[in-house]
C-alpha atoms as a PDB file:
ATOM      1  CA  MET A   1      -6.032   0.020   8.295  1.00  0.00           C
ATOM      2  CA  LEU A   2      -8.663   2.249   5.678  1.00  0.00           C
ATOM      3  CA  SER A   3     -11.562   3.868   7.070  1.00  0.00           C
ATOM      4  CA  PRO A   4     -14.754   2.993   5.505  1.00  0.00           C
ATOM      5  CA  HIS A   5     -14.606   5.043   3.494  1.00  0.00           C
ATOM      6  CA  GLU A   6     -11.523   5.030   2.038  1.00  0.00           C
ATOM      7  CA  PHE A   7     -12.513   1.462   1.883  1.00  0.00           C
ATOM      8  CA  ALA A   8     -15.608   2.246  -0.441  1.00  0.00           C
ATOM      9  CA  THR A   9     -13.758   4.408  -2.295  1.00  0.00           C
ATOM     10  CA  LEU A  10     -10.950   1.982  -3.167  1.00  0.00           C
ATOM     11  CA  MET A  11     -14.381  -0.644  -4.265  1.00  0.00           C
ATOM     12  CA  LEU A  12     -15.578   2.585  -6.050  1.00  0.00           C
ATOM     13  CA  VAL A  13     -12.365   2.649  -8.098  1.00  0.00           C
ATOM     14  CA  ARG A  14     -12.270  -0.482  -8.920  1.00  0.00           C
ATOM     15  CA  GLU A  15     -15.638  -0.927  -9.987  1.00  0.00           C
ATOM     16  CA  ALA A  16     -16.157   2.469 -11.773  1.00  0.00           C
ATOM     17  CA  PRO A  17     -12.909   4.311 -12.118  1.00  0.00           C
ATOM     18  CA  ASP A  18     -14.271   7.392 -14.247  1.00  0.00           C
ATOM     19  CA  GLN A  19     -16.486   8.141 -10.815  1.00  0.00           C
ATOM     20  CA  ALA A  20     -16.385  11.658 -10.726  1.00  0.00           C
ATOM     21  CA  ASP A  21     -17.563  12.352  -6.969  1.00  0.00           C
ATOM     22  CA  LEU A  22     -14.863  10.311  -5.468  1.00  0.00           C
ATOM     23  CA  ASN A  23     -14.075  12.035  -1.980  1.00  0.00           C
ATOM     24  CA  ARG A  24     -10.598  13.885  -2.403  1.00  0.00           C
ATOM     25  CA  ALA A  25      -9.265  13.079   1.141  1.00  0.00           C
ATOM     26  CA  ASP A  26     -10.064   9.729   0.347  1.00  0.00           C
ATOM     27  CA  LEU A  27      -8.486   9.381  -2.930  1.00  0.00           C
ATOM     28  CA  ASP A  28      -5.459  10.999  -1.437  1.00  0.00           C
ATOM     29  CA  ALA A  29      -5.260   8.237   1.644  1.00  0.00           C
ATOM     30  CA  LEU A  30      -5.321   5.960  -1.596  1.00  0.00           C
ATOM     31  CA  LEU A  31      -2.927   7.347  -3.629  1.00  0.00           C
ATOM     32  CA  GLU A  32      -0.181   7.607  -0.421  1.00  0.00           C
ATOM     33  CA  ARG A  33      -1.046   4.056  -0.030  1.00  0.00           C
ATOM     34  CA  GLN A  34      -0.648   3.012  -3.334  1.00  0.00           C
ATOM     35  CA  LEU A  35      -3.519   1.152  -3.505  1.00  0.00           C
ATOM     36  CA  VAL A  36      -4.696   2.973  -6.619  1.00  0.00           C
ATOM     37  CA  ALA A  37      -2.685   5.120  -9.193  1.00  0.00           C
ATOM     38  CA  PHE A  38      -3.508   7.561 -11.704  1.00  0.00           C
ATOM     39  CA  GLU A  39      -2.213   6.064 -15.242  1.00  0.00           C
ATOM     40  CA  LYS A  40      -1.571   8.231 -18.232  1.00  0.00           C
ATOM     41  CA  LEU A  41      -3.112   6.418 -21.426  1.00  0.00           C
ATOM     42  CA  THR A  42      -1.089   6.671 -25.281  1.00  0.00           C
ATOM     43  CA  SER A  43      -3.604   9.631 -26.142  1.00  0.00           C
ATOM     44  CA  GLY A  44      -3.142  11.840 -23.403  1.00  0.00           C
ATOM     45  CA  CYS A  45      -5.921  10.944 -21.242  1.00  0.00           C
ATOM     46  CA  THR A  46      -5.591  10.089 -17.395  1.00  0.00           C
ATOM     47  CA  TYR A  47      -7.631   7.724 -15.559  1.00  0.00           C
ATOM     48  CA  LEU A  48      -7.633   6.149 -11.961  1.00  0.00           C
ATOM     49  CA  ASN A  49      -6.939   3.186 -11.765  1.00  0.00           C
ATOM     50  CA  ILE A  50      -6.684   0.529  -8.600  1.00  0.00           C
ATOM     51  CA  THR A  51      -2.968  -0.766  -7.981  1.00  0.00           C
ATOM     52  CA  ASP A  52      -2.026  -4.487  -8.390  1.00  0.00           C
ATOM     53  CA  GLN A  53      -1.330  -3.563  -4.198  1.00  0.00           C
ATOM     54  CA  GLY A  54      -5.181  -2.311  -4.395  1.00  0.00           C
ATOM     55  CA  HIS A  55      -6.068  -5.623  -5.653  1.00  0.00           C
ATOM     56  CA  SER A  56      -4.394  -7.831  -3.363  1.00  0.00           C
ATOM     57  CA  PHE A  57      -5.632  -5.635  -0.321  1.00  0.00           C
ATOM     58  CA  LEU A  58      -9.048  -6.432  -1.292  1.00  0.00           C
ATOM     59  CA  LYS A  59      -8.933 -10.068  -1.948  1.00  0.00           C
ATOM     60  CA  ALA A  60      -6.892 -10.419   1.329  1.00  0.00           C
ATOM     61  CA  LEU A  61     -10.010  -8.758   2.867  1.00  0.00           C
ATOM     62  CA  THR A  62     -12.633 -11.004   0.959  1.00  0.00           C
ATOM     63  CA  GLN A  63     -10.728 -14.104   2.159  1.00  0.00           C
ATOM     64  CA  ARG A  64     -10.567 -13.111   5.775  1.00  0.00           C
ATOM     65  CA  ALA A  65     -14.407 -12.207   5.522  1.00  0.00           C
ATOM     66  CA  LYS A  66     -15.436 -15.738   4.570  1.00  0.00           C
ATOM     67  CA  ARG A  67     -13.441 -17.257   6.877  1.00  0.00           C
ATOM     68  CA  GLY A  68     -14.503 -14.800   9.950  1.00  0.00           C
END
């Protein structure tokens, strides 16, 4: 399970992937769980992106919150 800070970081990545002030420890935890990943553009620039697994995680939590 994610900590509240990690969950908030995941939501920030979904809404604003170019956010510069993300907590490195929270970001590392999300990278380790493969909920986010760095993607490389053809231009050579990299950006942070939420993975399919990250989207599924947020969707499951949203559905659970609606029921609960």
